[in-house]
Amino acid sequence: MSLSVQLYTMLSMVAMGSYIGAAIDTYHRFSKRRNSFHWFVACNDVLFWLMQALVVFYVLLQTNHGEIRFYVFLALICGYAAYQAILRRFYRGLLERCILLTVSIYRGIVSLFQYLVIKPVTFILKLLYSLCMMIVTGCIAVILFLLRLVFVPLRGLVLLLLRWTGLLKHIKKLEPMLKKIKEFISAMRKKKE
């Protein structure tokens, strides 16, 4: 392995050590830690470290065809230590600002969607509901009016037929019983209330 390849390998592993430090801080920021052992968190930890190992090995593969030497591990540790000493505070502040920016953009998109889509659609639906209720109420009023037009002459005709046949006298005898039934029904309604 030539000296330039070794230099590129050292520099890339120092960068990967810093990357691993940033990745750990990002992972801890987004993972929900519990005081007790939990299988889901353990599986996430294993997957996180497998992904980091694959990324480091891919970079190593690109720089020196995957040759692992002792100085590769030293360079990773030096990069991680440099991140902890120099870059950690800056990266955490940048990460928090990025999270706040992402959350505010998300809230802005949600409120924009609400004002441009949801509120107009609800307004149109309320308007359609009001129009439908007006149409239904109008139709019911017309139907009731037509029924009254038919019922009033029909009622008069039925009363006239009842008088001619003499059944009106028998119906008037049933009026006290119908009155008692009506009073009983109204008393039952009052008890329910």
N, C-alpha and C. Protein backbone atom coordinates (compact mmCIF):
# COMPACT_ATOMS: atom_id res chain seq x y z
N MET A 1 0.86 -1.17 0.00
CA MET A 1 0.00 0.00 0.00
C MET A 1 0.91 1.23 0.00
N SER A 2 0.62 2.17 -0.89
CA SER A 2 1.48 3.34 -1.02
C SER A 2 1.21 4.32 0.12
N LEU A 3 2.10 5.30 0.23
CA LEU A 3 2.00 6.28 1.31
C LEU A 3 0.78 7.18 1.13
N SER A 4 0.46 7.54 -0.11
CA SER A 4 -0.71 8.39 -0.36
C SER A 4 -2.00 7.65 -0.01
N VAL A 5 -2.07 6.35 -0.29
CA VAL A 5 -3.25 5.56 0.06
C VAL A 5 -3.38 5.48 1.58
N GLN A 6 -2.24 5.32 2.27
CA GLN A 6 -2.29 5.29 3.73
C GLN A 6 -2.76 6.63 4.30
N LEU A 7 -2.30 7.73 3.68
CA LEU A 7 -2.74 9.06 4.13
C LEU A 7 -4.23 9.24 3.90
N TYR A 8 -4.73 8.87 2.72
CA TYR A 8 -6.17 8.96 2.45
C TYR A 8 -6.97 8.08 3.42
N THR A 9 -6.43 6.91 3.71
CA THR A 9 -7.10 6.00 4.65
C THR A 9 -7.17 6.62 6.03
N MET A 10 -6.05 7.20 6.49
CA MET A 10 -6.03 7.84 7.82
C MET A 10 -7.02 9.00 7.87
N LEU A 11 -6.99 9.86 6.87
CA LEU A 11 -7.89 11.02 6.86
C LEU A 11 -9.35 10.59 6.78
N SER A 12 -9.63 9.60 5.96
CA SER A 12 -11.03 9.15 5.84
C SER A 12 -11.50 8.47 7.13
N MET A 13 -10.62 7.76 7.82
CA MET A 13 -11.03 7.13 9.08
C MET A 13 -11.19 8.16 10.20
N VAL A 14 -10.38 9.23 10.19
CA VAL A 14 -10.60 10.31 11.15
C VAL A 14 -11.95 10.96 10.90
N ALA A 15 -12.26 11.18 9.62
CA ALA A 15 -13.57 11.74 9.27
C ALA A 15 -14.69 10.79 9.67
N MET A 16 -14.47 9.48 9.49
CA MET A 16 -15.50 8.51 9.86
C MET A 16 -15.68 8.45 11.37
N GLY A 17 -14.59 8.64 12.13
CA GLY A 17 -14.72 8.70 13.59
C GLY A 17 -15.57 9.89 14.01
N SER A 18 -15.35 11.05 13.36
CA SER A 18 -16.19 12.22 13.65
C SER A 18 -17.64 11.96 13.24
N TYR A 19 -17.79 11.28 12.09
CA TYR A 19 -19.14 10.94 11.63
C TYR A 19 -19.85 10.03 12.64
N ILE A 20 -19.12 9.05 13.17
CA ILE A 20 -19.73 8.13 14.14
C ILE A 20 -20.16 8.89 15.39
N GLY A 21 -19.35 9.83 15.85
CA GLY A 21 -19.75 10.65 17.00
C GLY A 21 -21.02 11.44 16.72
N ALA A 22 -21.09 12.05 15.53
CA ALA A 22 -22.31 12.80 15.17
C ALA A 22 -23.50 11.87 15.03
N ALA A 23 -23.28 10.69 14.46
CA ALA A 23 -24.38 9.73 14.31
C ALA A 23 -24.89 9.26 15.66
N ILE A 24 -23.97 9.03 16.61
CA ILE A 24 -24.39 8.61 17.95
C ILE A 24 -25.23 9.70 18.61
N ASP A 25 -24.77 10.96 18.51
CA ASP A 25 -25.56 12.05 19.11
C ASP A 25 -26.93 12.17 18.44
N THR A 26 -26.97 12.03 17.13
CA THR A 26 -28.25 12.10 16.42
C THR A 26 -29.16 10.95 16.83
N TYR A 27 -28.59 9.76 16.91
CA TYR A 27 -29.38 8.58 17.29
C TYR A 27 -29.92 8.74 18.70
N HIS A 28 -29.10 9.20 19.63
CA HIS A 28 -29.57 9.38 21.01
C HIS A 28 -30.61 10.49 21.10
N ARG A 29 -30.52 11.48 20.23
CA ARG A 29 -31.52 12.57 20.24
C ARG A 29 -32.88 12.06 19.81
N PHE A 30 -32.92 11.14 18.87
CA PHE A 30 -34.21 10.68 18.34
C PHE A 30 -34.71 9.39 18.96
N SER A 31 -33.84 8.63 19.62
CA SER A 31 -34.30 7.37 20.21
C SER A 31 -34.89 7.65 21.58
N LYS A 32 -35.92 6.88 21.91
CA LYS A 32 -36.58 7.03 23.20
C LYS A 32 -35.98 6.00 24.15
N ARG A 33 -35.26 6.47 25.11
CA ARG A 33 -34.59 5.58 26.07
C ARG A 33 -35.49 5.32 27.26
N ARG A 34 -35.43 4.08 27.74
CA ARG A 34 -36.17 3.71 28.95
C ARG A 34 -35.15 3.28 30.01
N ASN A 35 -35.59 3.34 31.24
CA ASN A 35 -34.70 2.92 32.32
C ASN A 35 -34.51 1.42 32.34
N SER A 36 -35.53 0.68 31.93
CA SER A 36 -35.45 -0.77 31.94
C SER A 36 -35.11 -1.28 30.53
N PHE A 37 -34.75 -2.55 30.46
CA PHE A 37 -34.41 -3.17 29.19
C PHE A 37 -35.67 -3.33 28.34
N HIS A 38 -35.52 -3.01 27.05
CA HIS A 38 -36.64 -3.18 26.13
C HIS A 38 -36.10 -3.75 24.82
N TRP A 39 -36.77 -4.77 24.30
CA TRP A 39 -36.29 -5.46 23.11
C TRP A 39 -36.24 -4.55 21.88
N PHE A 40 -37.20 -3.69 21.73
CA PHE A 40 -37.25 -2.81 20.56
C PHE A 40 -36.04 -1.88 20.54
N VAL A 41 -35.70 -1.33 21.69
CA VAL A 41 -34.53 -0.43 21.79
C VAL A 41 -33.25 -1.22 21.53
N ALA A 42 -33.18 -2.43 22.05
CA ALA A 42 -31.99 -3.27 21.83
C ALA A 42 -31.82 -3.60 20.35
N CYS A 43 -32.91 -3.93 19.68
CA CYS A 43 -32.84 -4.22 18.23
C CYS A 43 -32.43 -2.98 17.45
N ASN A 44 -32.97 -1.83 17.83
CA ASN A 44 -32.57 -0.59 17.17
C ASN A 44 -31.09 -0.31 17.37
N ASP A 45 -30.58 -0.55 18.57
CA ASP A 45 -29.16 -0.34 18.83
C ASP A 45 -28.29 -1.25 17.96
N VAL A 46 -28.67 -2.51 17.87
CA VAL A 46 -27.91 -3.45 17.05
C VAL A 46 -27.93 -3.02 15.59
N LEU A 47 -29.11 -2.62 15.08
CA LEU A 47 -29.20 -2.17 13.68
C LEU A 47 -28.40 -0.90 13.46
N PHE A 48 -28.41 0.01 14.43
CA PHE A 48 -27.64 1.25 14.31
C PHE A 48 -26.16 0.94 14.18
N TRP A 49 -25.64 0.07 15.04
CA TRP A 49 -24.21 -0.22 15.00
C TRP A 49 -23.84 -1.03 13.76
N LEU A 50 -24.73 -1.88 13.28
CA LEU A 50 -24.46 -2.59 12.01
C LEU A 50 -24.37 -1.61 10.85
N MET A 51 -25.29 -0.62 10.83
CA MET A 51 -25.26 0.38 9.76
C MET A 51 -23.98 1.20 9.82
N GLN A 52 -23.55 1.57 11.02
CA GLN A 52 -22.31 2.35 11.14
C GLN A 52 -21.11 1.53 10.69
N ALA A 53 -21.09 0.25 11.05
CA ALA A 53 -19.98 -0.62 10.62
C ALA A 53 -19.96 -0.76 9.10
N LEU A 54 -21.15 -0.88 8.49
CA LEU A 54 -21.20 -0.99 7.03
C LEU A 54 -20.73 0.29 6.35
N VAL A 55 -21.11 1.44 6.91
CA VAL A 55 -20.68 2.72 6.32
C VAL A 55 -19.17 2.86 6.43
N VAL A 56 -18.62 2.56 7.60
CA VAL A 56 -17.16 2.65 7.78
C VAL A 56 -16.44 1.69 6.85
N PHE A 57 -16.94 0.46 6.73
CA PHE A 57 -16.29 -0.50 5.86
C PHE A 57 -16.41 -0.08 4.39
N TYR A 58 -17.54 0.52 4.00
CA TYR A 58 -17.67 0.99 2.62
C TYR A 58 -16.65 2.08 2.31
N VAL A 59 -16.48 3.02 3.26
CA VAL A 59 -15.48 4.08 3.05
C VAL A 59 -14.08 3.48 3.01
N LEU A 60 -13.82 2.52 3.88
CA LEU A 60 -12.52 1.84 3.87
C LEU A 60 -12.32 1.09 2.56
N LEU A 61 -13.37 0.50 2.07
CA LEU A 61 -13.29 -0.21 0.79
C LEU A 61 -12.97 0.74 -0.36
N GLN A 62 -13.52 1.94 -0.30
CA GLN A 62 -13.27 2.92 -1.36
C GLN A 62 -11.85 3.50 -1.28
N THR A 63 -11.30 3.62 -0.08
CA THR A 63 -9.99 4.26 0.04
C THR A 63 -8.82 3.28 -0.13
N ASN A 64 -8.90 2.10 0.51
CA ASN A 64 -7.74 1.19 0.40
C ASN A 64 -8.16 -0.26 0.11
N HIS A 65 -9.28 -0.43 -0.53
CA HIS A 65 -9.77 -1.75 -0.96
C HIS A 65 -10.05 -2.68 0.21
N GLY A 66 -10.42 -2.11 1.37
CA GLY A 66 -10.88 -2.88 2.50
C GLY A 66 -9.79 -3.50 3.36
N GLU A 67 -8.58 -3.00 3.28
CA GLU A 67 -7.51 -3.54 4.13
C GLU A 67 -7.64 -2.94 5.52
N ILE A 68 -7.74 -3.79 6.51
CA ILE A 68 -7.90 -3.34 7.89
C ILE A 68 -6.55 -3.47 8.58
N ARG A 69 -6.06 -2.33 9.09
CA ARG A 69 -4.80 -2.29 9.81
C ARG A 69 -5.04 -1.66 11.18
N PHE A 70 -4.05 -1.76 12.04
CA PHE A 70 -4.19 -1.23 13.38
C PHE A 70 -4.42 0.28 13.38
N TYR A 71 -3.73 1.00 12.49
CA TYR A 71 -3.86 2.46 12.45
C TYR A 71 -5.26 2.90 12.01
N VAL A 72 -6.02 2.03 11.36
CA VAL A 72 -7.40 2.35 10.99
C VAL A 72 -8.23 2.55 12.25
N PHE A 73 -8.08 1.66 13.22
CA PHE A 73 -8.81 1.79 14.48
C PHE A 73 -8.35 3.01 15.27
N LEU A 74 -7.02 3.28 15.25
CA LEU A 74 -6.49 4.47 15.93
C LEU A 74 -7.06 5.74 15.29
N ALA A 75 -7.16 5.75 13.96
CA ALA A 75 -7.70 6.93 13.28
C ALA A 75 -9.17 7.12 13.60
N LEU A 76 -9.93 6.01 13.69
CA LEU A 76 -11.34 6.11 14.08
C LEU A 76 -11.48 6.68 15.48
N ILE A 77 -10.66 6.20 16.41
CA ILE A 77 -10.71 6.70 17.79
C ILE A 77 -10.30 8.16 17.85
N CYS A 78 -9.28 8.54 17.08
CA CYS A 78 -8.85 9.96 17.05
C CYS A 78 -9.96 10.85 16.47
N GLY A 79 -10.61 10.39 15.44
CA GLY A 79 -11.71 11.17 14.86
C GLY A 79 -12.87 11.32 15.83
N TYR A 80 -13.19 10.24 16.54
CA TYR A 80 -14.26 10.31 17.54
C TYR A 80 -13.88 11.25 18.68
N ALA A 81 -12.62 11.18 19.12
CA ALA A 81 -12.16 12.07 20.20
C ALA A 81 -12.17 13.52 19.73
N ALA A 82 -11.78 13.77 18.49
CA ALA A 82 -11.80 15.13 17.96
C ALA A 82 -13.24 15.65 17.90
N TYR A 83 -14.14 14.79 17.51
CA TYR A 83 -15.54 15.21 17.50
C TYR A 83 -16.00 15.56 18.90
N GLN A 84 -15.69 14.70 19.88
CA GLN A 84 -16.14 14.95 21.26
C GLN A 84 -15.54 16.23 21.81
N ALA A 85 -14.29 16.52 21.48
CA ALA A 85 -13.61 17.68 22.05
C ALA A 85 -13.95 18.98 21.32
N ILE A 86 -14.08 18.93 20.01
CA ILE A 86 -14.19 20.17 19.23
C ILE A 86 -15.59 20.39 18.65
N LEU A 87 -16.14 19.38 18.03
CA LEU A 87 -17.34 19.57 17.22
C LEU A 87 -18.66 19.26 17.91
N ARG A 88 -18.64 18.61 19.05
CA ARG A 88 -19.88 18.11 19.65
C ARG A 88 -20.87 19.22 19.96
N ARG A 89 -20.43 20.27 20.65
CA ARG A 89 -21.34 21.36 21.03
C ARG A 89 -21.92 22.05 19.79
N PHE A 90 -21.06 22.31 18.80
CA PHE A 90 -21.52 22.95 17.56
C PHE A 90 -22.54 22.06 16.85
N TYR A 91 -22.24 20.74 16.76
CA TYR A 91 -23.15 19.83 16.05
C TYR A 91 -24.49 19.71 16.76
N ARG A 92 -24.47 19.60 18.07
CA ARG A 92 -25.73 19.49 18.80
C ARG A 92 -26.59 20.74 18.61
N GLY A 93 -25.97 21.92 18.68
CA GLY A 93 -26.74 23.15 18.43
C GLY A 93 -27.31 23.18 17.02
N LEU A 94 -26.48 22.77 16.04
CA LEU A 94 -26.94 22.71 14.65
C LEU A 94 -28.07 21.70 14.49
N LEU A 95 -27.94 20.56 15.17
CA LEU A 95 -28.99 19.53 15.10
C LEU A 95 -30.30 20.05 15.68
N GLU A 96 -30.23 20.72 16.82
CA GLU A 96 -31.46 21.28 17.43
C GLU A 96 -32.09 22.33 16.53
N ARG A 97 -31.25 23.19 15.92
CA ARG A 97 -31.80 24.19 15.00
C ARG A 97 -32.44 23.55 13.78
N CYS A 98 -31.80 22.50 13.27
CA CYS A 98 -32.39 21.78 12.12
C CYS A 98 -33.72 21.13 12.50
N ILE A 99 -33.78 20.57 13.71
CA ILE A 99 -35.03 19.95 14.16
C ILE A 99 -36.11 21.01 14.31
N LEU A 100 -35.78 22.15 14.92
CA LEU A 100 -36.76 23.23 15.07
C LEU A 100 -37.21 23.75 13.71
N LEU A 101 -36.26 23.90 12.77
CA LEU A 101 -36.61 24.36 11.43
C LEU A 101 -37.53 23.36 10.74
N THR A 102 -37.22 22.07 10.87
CA THR A 102 -38.06 21.04 10.25
C THR A 102 -39.46 21.02 10.85
N VAL A 103 -39.52 21.15 12.19
CA VAL A 103 -40.83 21.16 12.85
C VAL A 103 -41.63 22.39 12.43
N SER A 104 -40.97 23.54 12.34
CA SER A 104 -41.71 24.75 11.95
C SER A 104 -42.15 24.68 10.49
N ILE A 105 -41.32 24.10 9.62
CA ILE A 105 -41.73 23.92 8.21
C ILE A 105 -42.90 22.96 8.14
N TYR A 106 -42.86 21.87 8.92
CA TYR A 106 -43.97 20.92 8.94
C TYR A 106 -45.25 21.59 9.42
N ARG A 107 -45.15 22.36 10.51
CA ARG A 107 -46.34 23.06 11.01
C ARG A 107 -46.86 24.06 10.00
N GLY A 108 -45.93 24.75 9.32
CA GLY A 108 -46.35 25.70 8.29
C GLY A 108 -47.08 25.00 7.15
N ILE A 109 -46.55 23.85 6.73
CA ILE A 109 -47.20 23.11 5.64
C ILE A 109 -48.57 22.61 6.09
N VAL A 110 -48.66 22.13 7.35
CA VAL A 110 -49.95 21.65 7.86
C VAL A 110 -50.96 22.79 7.93
N SER A 111 -50.53 23.95 8.44
CA SER A 111 -51.47 25.08 8.53
C SER A 111 -51.83 25.58 7.14
N LEU A 112 -50.87 25.60 6.22
CA LEU A 112 -51.17 26.00 4.84
C LEU A 112 -52.15 25.04 4.20
N PHE A 113 -51.95 23.74 4.42
CA PHE A 113 -52.87 22.72 3.91
C PHE A 113 -54.25 22.92 4.52
N GLN A 114 -54.26 23.26 5.82
CA GLN A 114 -55.54 23.45 6.49
C GLN A 114 -56.27 24.66 5.90
N TYR A 115 -55.54 25.75 5.67
CA TYR A 115 -56.19 26.95 5.15
C TYR A 115 -56.53 26.85 3.67
N LEU A 116 -55.73 26.12 2.90
CA LEU A 116 -55.97 26.05 1.47
C LEU A 116 -56.87 24.88 1.05
N VAL A 117 -56.92 23.82 1.86
CA VAL A 117 -57.69 22.64 1.46
C VAL A 117 -58.83 22.35 2.44
N ILE A 118 -58.49 22.16 3.71
CA ILE A 118 -59.49 21.66 4.65
C ILE A 118 -60.58 22.70 4.93
N LYS A 119 -60.18 23.94 5.22
CA LYS A 119 -61.21 24.96 5.52
C LYS A 119 -62.11 25.24 4.33
N PRO A 120 -61.59 25.40 3.09
CA PRO A 120 -62.52 25.58 1.96
C PRO A 120 -63.44 24.38 1.74
N VAL A 121 -62.90 23.18 1.92
CA VAL A 121 -63.74 21.98 1.71
C VAL A 121 -64.84 21.92 2.78
N THR A 122 -64.47 22.21 4.06
CA THR A 122 -65.50 22.20 5.10
C THR A 122 -66.53 23.31 4.87
N PHE A 123 -66.07 24.47 4.38
CA PHE A 123 -67.02 25.55 4.07
C PHE A 123 -67.98 25.12 2.97
N ILE A 124 -67.43 24.49 1.92
CA ILE A 124 -68.29 24.04 0.80
C ILE A 124 -69.25 22.96 1.28
N LEU A 125 -68.76 22.03 2.13
CA LEU A 125 -69.64 20.98 2.64
C LEU A 125 -70.75 21.56 3.52
N LYS A 126 -70.40 22.54 4.37
CA LYS A 126 -71.43 23.19 5.19
C LYS A 126 -72.45 23.92 4.32
N LEU A 127 -71.94 24.58 3.27
CA LEU A 127 -72.84 25.28 2.36
C LEU A 127 -73.76 24.29 1.64
N LEU A 128 -73.21 23.17 1.18
CA LEU A 128 -74.04 22.15 0.53
C LEU A 128 -75.05 21.55 1.50
N TYR A 129 -74.62 21.33 2.74
CA TYR A 129 -75.54 20.81 3.76
C TYR A 129 -76.68 21.81 3.99
N SER A 130 -76.34 23.09 4.09
CA SER A 130 -77.39 24.11 4.29
C SER A 130 -78.34 24.16 3.10
N LEU A 131 -77.78 24.09 1.89
CA LEU A 131 -78.64 24.10 0.70
C LEU A 131 -79.54 22.88 0.65
N CYS A 132 -78.97 21.72 0.99
CA CYS A 132 -79.79 20.50 1.00
C CYS A 132 -80.89 20.59 2.04
N MET A 133 -80.57 21.13 3.22
CA MET A 133 -81.60 21.27 4.25
C MET A 133 -82.68 22.26 3.81
N MET A 134 -82.26 23.32 3.12
CA MET A 134 -83.26 24.27 2.61
C MET A 134 -84.17 23.60 1.59
N ILE A 135 -83.56 22.79 0.69
CA ILE A 135 -84.36 22.11 -0.33
C ILE A 135 -85.31 21.10 0.31
N VAL A 136 -84.79 20.33 1.29
CA VAL A 136 -85.62 19.33 1.96
C VAL A 136 -86.76 20.02 2.72
N THR A 137 -86.44 21.12 3.43
CA THR A 137 -87.47 21.85 4.17
C THR A 137 -88.52 22.43 3.21
N GLY A 138 -88.05 22.96 2.09
CA GLY A 138 -88.99 23.49 1.09
C GLY A 138 -89.89 22.41 0.52
N CYS A 139 -89.28 21.24 0.22
CA CYS A 139 -90.08 20.13 -0.31
C CYS A 139 -91.12 19.66 0.72
N ILE A 140 -90.70 19.56 1.98
CA ILE A 140 -91.65 19.14 3.03
C ILE A 140 -92.77 20.15 3.17
N ALA A 141 -92.44 21.45 3.11
CA ALA A 141 -93.48 22.48 3.21
C ALA A 141 -94.46 22.39 2.05
N VAL A 142 -93.93 22.16 0.83
CA VAL A 142 -94.81 22.04 -0.34
C VAL A 142 -95.71 20.80 -0.21
N ILE A 143 -95.11 19.68 0.24
CA ILE A 143 -95.89 18.45 0.40
C ILE A 143 -96.98 18.63 1.45
N LEU A 144 -96.64 19.27 2.58
CA LEU A 144 -97.64 19.52 3.62
C LEU A 144 -98.75 20.44 3.12
N PHE A 145 -98.36 21.45 2.34
CA PHE A 145 -99.37 22.34 1.78
C PHE A 145 -100.30 21.59 0.83
N LEU A 146 -99.72 20.72 -0.02
CA LEU A 146 -100.56 19.95 -0.93
C LEU A 146 -101.45 18.96 -0.17
N LEU A 147 -100.91 18.37 0.91
CA LEU A 147 -101.73 17.48 1.72
C LEU A 147 -102.89 18.23 2.37
N ARG A 148 -102.63 19.46 2.83
CA ARG A 148 -103.72 20.26 3.41
C ARG A 148 -104.77 20.58 2.36
N LEU A 149 -104.29 20.89 1.14
CA LEU A 149 -105.25 21.18 0.08
C LEU A 149 -106.15 19.98 -0.20
N VAL A 150 -105.55 18.78 -0.11
CA VAL A 150 -106.33 17.56 -0.35
C VAL A 150 -107.12 17.19 0.89
N PHE A 151 -106.54 17.34 2.09
CA PHE A 151 -107.16 16.86 3.32
C PHE A 151 -108.37 17.70 3.74
N VAL A 152 -108.29 19.03 3.57
CA VAL A 152 -109.42 19.88 4.01
C VAL A 152 -110.71 19.54 3.26
N PRO A 153 -110.70 19.45 1.92
CA PRO A 153 -111.96 19.06 1.26
C PRO A 153 -112.35 17.61 1.59
N LEU A 154 -111.35 16.75 1.71
CA LEU A 154 -111.63 15.36 2.02
C LEU A 154 -112.24 15.25 3.42
N ARG A 155 -111.76 16.04 4.36
CA ARG A 155 -112.30 16.04 5.72
C ARG A 155 -113.76 16.49 5.72
N GLY A 156 -113.98 17.54 4.96
CA GLY A 156 -115.37 18.00 4.87
C GLY A 156 -116.27 16.95 4.25
N LEU A 157 -115.77 16.26 3.23
CA LEU A 157 -116.55 15.21 2.58
C LEU A 157 -116.80 14.05 3.54
N VAL A 158 -115.79 13.65 4.33
CA VAL A 158 -115.94 12.56 5.30
C VAL A 158 -116.95 12.96 6.38
N LEU A 159 -116.87 14.21 6.88
CA LEU A 159 -117.84 14.67 7.89
C LEU A 159 -119.26 14.67 7.32
N LEU A 160 -119.39 15.09 6.07
CA LEU A 160 -120.70 15.10 5.43
C LEU A 160 -121.25 13.68 5.29
N LEU A 161 -120.38 12.73 4.90
CA LEU A 161 -120.80 11.33 4.79
C LEU A 161 -121.16 10.75 6.16
N LEU A 162 -120.39 11.12 7.19
CA LEU A 162 -120.69 10.63 8.54
C LEU A 162 -122.03 11.16 9.03
N ARG A 163 -122.36 12.39 8.70
CA ARG A 163 -123.66 12.94 9.11
C ARG A 163 -124.80 12.25 8.36
N TRP A 164 -124.62 12.05 7.10
CA TRP A 164 -125.68 11.41 6.32
C TRP A 164 -125.94 9.99 6.78
N THR A 165 -124.85 9.29 7.13
CA THR A 165 -125.03 7.90 7.52
C THR A 165 -125.40 7.75 8.98
N GLY A 166 -125.22 8.77 9.81
CA GLY A 166 -125.55 8.71 11.22
C GLY A 166 -124.41 8.15 12.07
N LEU A 167 -123.26 7.95 11.50
CA LEU A 167 -122.12 7.42 12.26
C LEU A 167 -121.48 8.50 13.13
N LEU A 168 -121.75 9.76 12.86
CA LEU A 168 -121.17 10.85 13.64
C LEU A 168 -121.61 10.79 15.09
N LYS A 169 -122.87 10.37 15.32
CA LYS A 169 -123.37 10.24 16.70
C LYS A 169 -122.59 9.17 17.46
N HIS A 170 -122.29 8.06 16.79
CA HIS A 170 -121.54 6.97 17.44
C HIS A 170 -120.09 7.39 17.72
N ILE A 171 -119.51 8.18 16.84
CA ILE A 171 -118.13 8.65 17.03
C ILE A 171 -118.07 9.62 18.19
N LYS A 172 -119.11 10.47 18.36
CA LYS A 172 -119.15 11.42 19.47
C LYS A 172 -119.27 10.69 20.80
N LYS A 173 -119.86 9.51 20.80
CA LYS A 173 -119.93 8.72 22.03
C LYS A 173 -118.54 8.21 22.43
N LEU A 174 -117.66 8.02 21.45
CA LEU A 174 -116.30 7.54 21.72
C LEU A 174 -115.35 8.67 22.15
N GLU A 175 -115.79 9.92 22.04
CA GLU A 175 -114.92 11.04 22.37
C GLU A 175 -114.41 11.03 23.81
N PRO A 176 -115.21 10.72 24.85
CA PRO A 176 -114.66 10.69 26.21
C PRO A 176 -113.56 9.63 26.37
N MET A 177 -113.74 8.49 25.71
CA MET A 177 -112.72 7.45 25.81
C MET A 177 -111.44 7.89 25.09
N LEU A 178 -111.58 8.55 23.94
CA LEU A 178 -110.41 9.06 23.23
C LEU A 178 -109.70 10.15 24.04
N LYS A 179 -110.49 10.96 24.78
CA LYS A 179 -109.92 12.01 25.62
C LYS A 179 -109.10 11.39 26.75
N LYS A 180 -109.62 10.31 27.35
CA LYS A 180 -108.89 9.63 28.43
C LYS A 180 -107.58 9.01 27.91
N ILE A 181 -107.63 8.44 26.73
CA ILE A 181 -106.42 7.87 26.13
C ILE A 181 -105.39 8.97 25.89
N LYS A 182 -105.86 10.13 25.40
CA LYS A 182 -104.97 11.27 25.15
C LYS A 182 -104.35 11.77 26.45
N GLU A 183 -105.14 11.85 27.53
CA GLU A 183 -104.62 12.29 28.83
C GLU A 183 -103.61 11.29 29.38
N PHE A 184 -103.89 9.99 29.20
CA PHE A 184 -102.97 8.95 29.67
C PHE A 184 -101.62 9.05 28.95
N ILE A 185 -101.68 9.27 27.64
CA ILE A 185 -100.44 9.40 26.86
C ILE A 185 -99.65 10.63 27.29
N SER A 186 -100.35 11.76 27.50
CA SER A 186 -99.64 12.97 27.94
C SER A 186 -99.07 12.80 29.35
N ALA A 187 -99.76 12.07 30.24
CA ALA A 187 -99.23 11.81 31.58
C ALA A 187 -97.98 10.93 31.50
N MET A 188 -97.98 9.95 30.62
CA MET A 188 -96.80 9.09 30.45
C MET A 188 -95.61 9.88 29.93
N ARG A 189 -95.84 10.80 29.03
CA ARG A 189 -94.76 11.65 28.51
C ARG A 189 -94.17 12.52 29.61
N LYS A 190 -95.03 13.07 30.48
CA LYS A 190 -94.54 13.89 31.57
C LYS A 190 -93.68 13.10 32.56
N LYS A 191 -94.05 11.83 32.77
CA LYS A 191 -93.27 10.99 33.68
C LYS A 191 -91.88 10.70 33.11
N LYS A 192 -91.81 10.53 31.80
CA LYS A 192 -90.52 10.27 31.17
C LYS A 192 -89.59 11.48 31.26
N GLU A 193 -90.15 12.67 31.19
CA GLU A 193 -89.34 13.89 31.26
C GLU A 193 -88.90 14.13 32.66
